Amino acid sequence: MKSKIKRKRRQMTDAQKEAAVERLRIAREKRGITGAASIHESIRNLPEDSKIHWKKVKQWIKSCEEELRGMREHKKSKDWNLRQEYISLEIYIKNLKTYLSSGVYLDYRFGEKREGRMQEVCLQLAYYPDGQPKRSIGVMYPDIGQIWTREMENEVYGKDNQPKRIYRREEPEVLVEEDVQSDG
């Protein structure tokens, strides 16, 4: 059998590459392609200044993938910290790709170098039996319009972080029937 002869492509100069990229960009603009076809519709129309706009996320993915390529030797390293760093970056990239396809942001960090931290927001309050809302430190609550802090916790619950009132479920009263002998 004859093997297929593979011809080498002629290499483009830098000026030719730039001209080709520009021609392709103009052609895409004329066709109306913005690159948002594969983006989930819930995040497609986010404002450009949003911290997790899809265009920014695509740039983060590119830079993180380049960084990951440079860390390939860490994947099978005997040093646990190097392996963990590689796996962490790999998972971060997967989470960013999931965000673009599903609209759900899974990671608690954001940014090209994972420098930002996501803020938890309580959408539905839970309540104690007496009607007082349950709260967690570091979570944004829309009813008070701010993040719940340790100082607020101490003010409401006291220094020992125990509620001022003890919430116990009341045990149901058990009635014991006495054996009554019937006349009969």
Protein backbone atom coordinates (compact mmCIF):
# COMPACT_ATOMS: atom_id res chain seq x y z
CA MET A 1 0.00 0.00 0.00
CA LYS A 2 1.12 3.48 -0.73
CA SER A 3 1.22 5.89 2.11
CA LYS A 4 -0.41 9.22 1.65
CA ILE A 5 2.05 12.00 1.00
CA LYS A 6 1.47 14.87 3.38
CA ARG A 7 2.56 18.20 2.05
CA LYS A 8 3.74 20.87 4.38
CA ARG A 9 1.82 24.10 4.50
CA ARG A 10 3.59 27.20 3.50
CA GLN A 11 4.33 29.25 6.58
CA MET A 12 2.70 32.67 6.75
CA THR A 13 4.69 35.68 7.77
CA ASP A 14 3.54 37.75 10.73
CA ALA A 15 2.18 40.45 8.42
CA GLN A 16 0.23 37.86 6.43
CA LYS A 17 -1.21 36.38 9.65
CA GLU A 18 -2.34 39.81 10.86
CA ALA A 19 -3.95 40.56 7.51
CA ALA A 20 -5.76 37.19 7.53
CA VAL A 21 -7.01 37.75 11.08
CA GLU A 22 -8.30 41.20 10.13
CA ARG A 23 -10.07 39.86 7.00
CA LEU A 24 -11.68 37.12 9.07
CA ARG A 25 -12.82 39.62 11.74
CA ILE A 26 -14.42 41.86 9.10
CA ALA A 27 -16.16 38.89 7.48
CA ARG A 28 -17.54 37.77 10.85
CA GLU A 29 -18.82 41.27 11.60
CA LYS A 30 -20.62 41.37 8.24
CA ARG A 31 -22.27 38.03 8.99
CA GLY A 32 -23.25 39.22 12.46
CA ILE A 33 -21.27 36.63 14.39
CA THR A 34 -20.40 37.87 17.86
CA GLY A 35 -19.13 34.58 19.29
CA ALA A 36 -22.12 34.27 21.60
CA ALA A 37 -23.79 31.35 19.81
CA SER A 38 -22.36 28.78 22.23
CA ILE A 39 -23.03 30.96 25.30
CA HIS A 40 -26.01 30.16 27.51
CA GLU A 41 -28.87 32.59 26.96
CA SER A 42 -29.06 33.58 30.63
CA ILE A 43 -25.58 35.17 30.50
CA ARG A 44 -25.50 36.24 26.87
CA ASN A 45 -26.88 39.72 27.60
CA LEU A 46 -24.90 40.56 30.74
CA PRO A 47 -23.54 44.12 30.75
CA GLU A 48 -19.95 44.48 29.52
CA ASP A 49 -18.80 45.80 32.91
CA SER A 50 -20.01 42.66 34.74
CA LYS A 51 -17.24 40.85 36.62
CA ILE A 52 -18.14 37.55 35.00
CA HIS A 53 -19.08 38.68 31.48
CA TRP A 54 -18.71 35.83 28.98
CA LYS A 55 -16.06 37.64 26.91
CA LYS A 56 -13.87 38.05 30.01
CA VAL A 57 -14.43 34.41 30.93
CA LYS A 58 -13.30 33.30 27.46
CA GLN A 59 -10.07 35.30 27.93
CA TRP A 60 -9.56 33.68 31.34
CA ILE A 61 -9.98 30.24 29.80
CA LYS A 62 -7.37 31.02 27.13
CA SER A 63 -4.78 32.28 29.60
CA CYS A 64 -5.44 29.44 32.07
CA GLU A 65 -5.10 26.83 29.33
CA GLU A 66 -1.75 28.33 28.35
CA GLU A 67 -0.67 28.19 31.98
CA LEU A 68 -1.88 24.59 32.22
CA ARG A 69 0.17 23.61 29.17
CA GLY A 70 3.24 24.95 30.92
CA MET A 71 2.45 22.85 34.00
CA ARG A 72 2.13 19.44 32.27
CA GLU A 73 5.06 17.99 34.17
CA HIS A 74 3.19 18.77 37.43
CA LYS A 75 0.43 16.33 36.49
CA LYS A 76 2.52 13.25 37.32
CA SER A 77 4.85 14.89 39.82
CA LYS A 78 5.70 13.14 43.08
CA ASP A 79 5.25 16.43 44.91
CA TRP A 80 1.67 16.59 46.16
CA ASN A 81 1.54 20.41 46.07
CA LEU A 82 2.48 20.54 42.38
CA ARG A 83 -0.11 17.91 41.46
CA GLN A 84 -2.74 19.75 43.50
CA GLU A 85 -1.93 23.03 41.74
CA TYR A 86 -2.31 21.35 38.34
CA ILE A 87 -5.61 19.67 39.27
CA SER A 88 -6.97 22.87 40.79
CA LEU A 89 -6.29 24.84 37.60
CA GLU A 90 -7.75 22.05 35.47
CA ILE A 91 -10.98 22.06 37.52
CA TYR A 92 -11.14 25.86 37.37
CA ILE A 93 -11.04 25.72 33.55
CA LYS A 94 -13.79 23.07 33.50
CA ASN A 95 -15.93 25.22 35.81
CA LEU A 96 -15.48 28.25 33.53
CA LYS A 97 -16.50 26.19 30.49
CA THR A 98 -19.53 24.90 32.38
CA TYR A 99 -20.48 28.49 33.18
CA LEU A 100 -20.42 29.43 29.50
CA SER A 101 -22.53 26.45 28.48
CA SER A 102 -25.02 26.31 31.37
CA GLY A 103 -25.04 29.78 32.94
CA VAL A 104 -24.27 28.34 36.39
CA TYR A 105 -21.04 29.55 38.01
CA LEU A 106 -19.63 26.65 40.06
CA ASP A 107 -16.39 28.08 41.41
CA TYR A 108 -15.98 30.40 44.39
CA ARG A 109 -13.10 32.24 42.67
CA PHE A 110 -13.08 34.31 39.50
CA GLY A 111 -10.54 36.14 37.38
CA GLU A 112 -7.61 35.32 35.17
CA LYS A 113 -5.42 34.47 38.16
CA ARG A 114 -8.39 33.49 40.39
CA GLU A 115 -7.88 36.72 42.33
CA GLY A 116 -11.57 37.50 42.98
CA ARG A 117 -13.86 35.73 45.40
CA MET A 118 -17.57 35.18 44.83
CA GLN A 119 -20.01 36.46 47.44
CA GLU A 120 -22.74 34.16 48.74
CA VAL A 121 -26.20 35.72 48.67
CA CYS A 122 -29.18 34.38 50.56
CA LEU A 123 -32.19 34.28 48.26
CA GLN A 124 -34.65 32.64 50.65
CA LEU A 125 -34.48 33.10 54.40
CA ALA A 126 -34.95 30.28 56.91
CA TYR A 127 -36.51 31.04 60.28
CA TYR A 128 -36.34 29.79 63.86
CA PRO A 129 -39.68 28.74 65.41
CA ASP A 130 -40.11 32.17 67.06
CA GLY A 131 -39.82 33.91 63.67
CA GLN A 132 -36.21 35.14 63.96
CA PRO A 133 -34.26 34.59 60.70
CA LYS A 134 -31.34 32.17 60.65
CA ARG A 135 -28.09 33.73 59.42
CA SER A 136 -24.54 32.65 58.52
CA ILE A 137 -21.40 34.79 58.76
CA GLY A 138 -20.09 36.04 55.40
CA VAL A 139 -23.41 35.80 53.54
CA MET A 140 -25.17 38.77 51.93
CA TYR A 141 -28.78 39.14 53.10
CA PRO A 142 -31.09 41.31 50.99
CA ASP A 143 -33.46 42.03 53.91
CA ILE A 144 -30.72 43.90 55.82
CA GLY A 145 -28.85 44.95 52.67
CA GLN A 146 -25.41 43.89 53.89
CA ILE A 147 -23.14 40.99 54.70
CA TRP A 148 -23.73 39.30 58.05
CA THR A 149 -20.59 39.77 60.18
CA ARG A 150 -19.20 38.30 63.40
CA GLU A 151 -19.96 41.59 65.19
CA MET A 152 -23.61 41.35 64.18
CA GLU A 153 -23.64 37.74 65.33
CA ASN A 154 -22.24 38.71 68.75
CA GLU A 155 -24.74 41.54 69.06
CA VAL A 156 -27.71 39.28 68.40
CA TYR A 157 -26.55 36.05 70.03
CA GLY A 158 -24.03 37.25 72.61
CA LYS A 159 -20.29 36.71 72.93
CA ASP A 160 -20.50 32.95 73.33
CA ASN A 161 -22.36 32.65 69.99
CA GLN A 162 -25.26 30.92 71.68
CA PRO A 163 -28.74 32.19 70.95
CA LYS A 164 -30.19 34.30 73.73
CA ARG A 165 -33.22 32.06 73.60
CA ILE A 166 -32.89 28.33 73.53
CA TYR A 167 -34.95 26.81 70.79
CA ARG A 168 -36.10 23.37 71.75
CA ARG A 169 -38.65 21.31 70.04
CA GLU A 170 -41.44 20.64 72.46
CA GLU A 171 -41.87 17.00 73.23
CA PRO A 172 -45.42 15.80 72.72
CA GLU A 173 -47.24 14.93 75.91
CA VAL A 174 -47.73 11.20 76.27
CA LEU A 175 -50.91 10.11 77.95
CA VAL A 176 -50.69 6.83 79.77
CA GLU A 177 -53.95 5.00 80.01
CA GLU A 178 -54.48 3.20 83.23
CA ASP A 179 -55.77 -0.30 83.15
CA VAL A 180 -59.38 0.02 84.14
CA GLN A 181 -61.14 -3.23 84.84
CA SER A 182 -64.59 -3.32 83.57
CA ASP A 183 -67.51 -4.96 85.35
CA GLY A 184 -68.58 -7.64 83.17
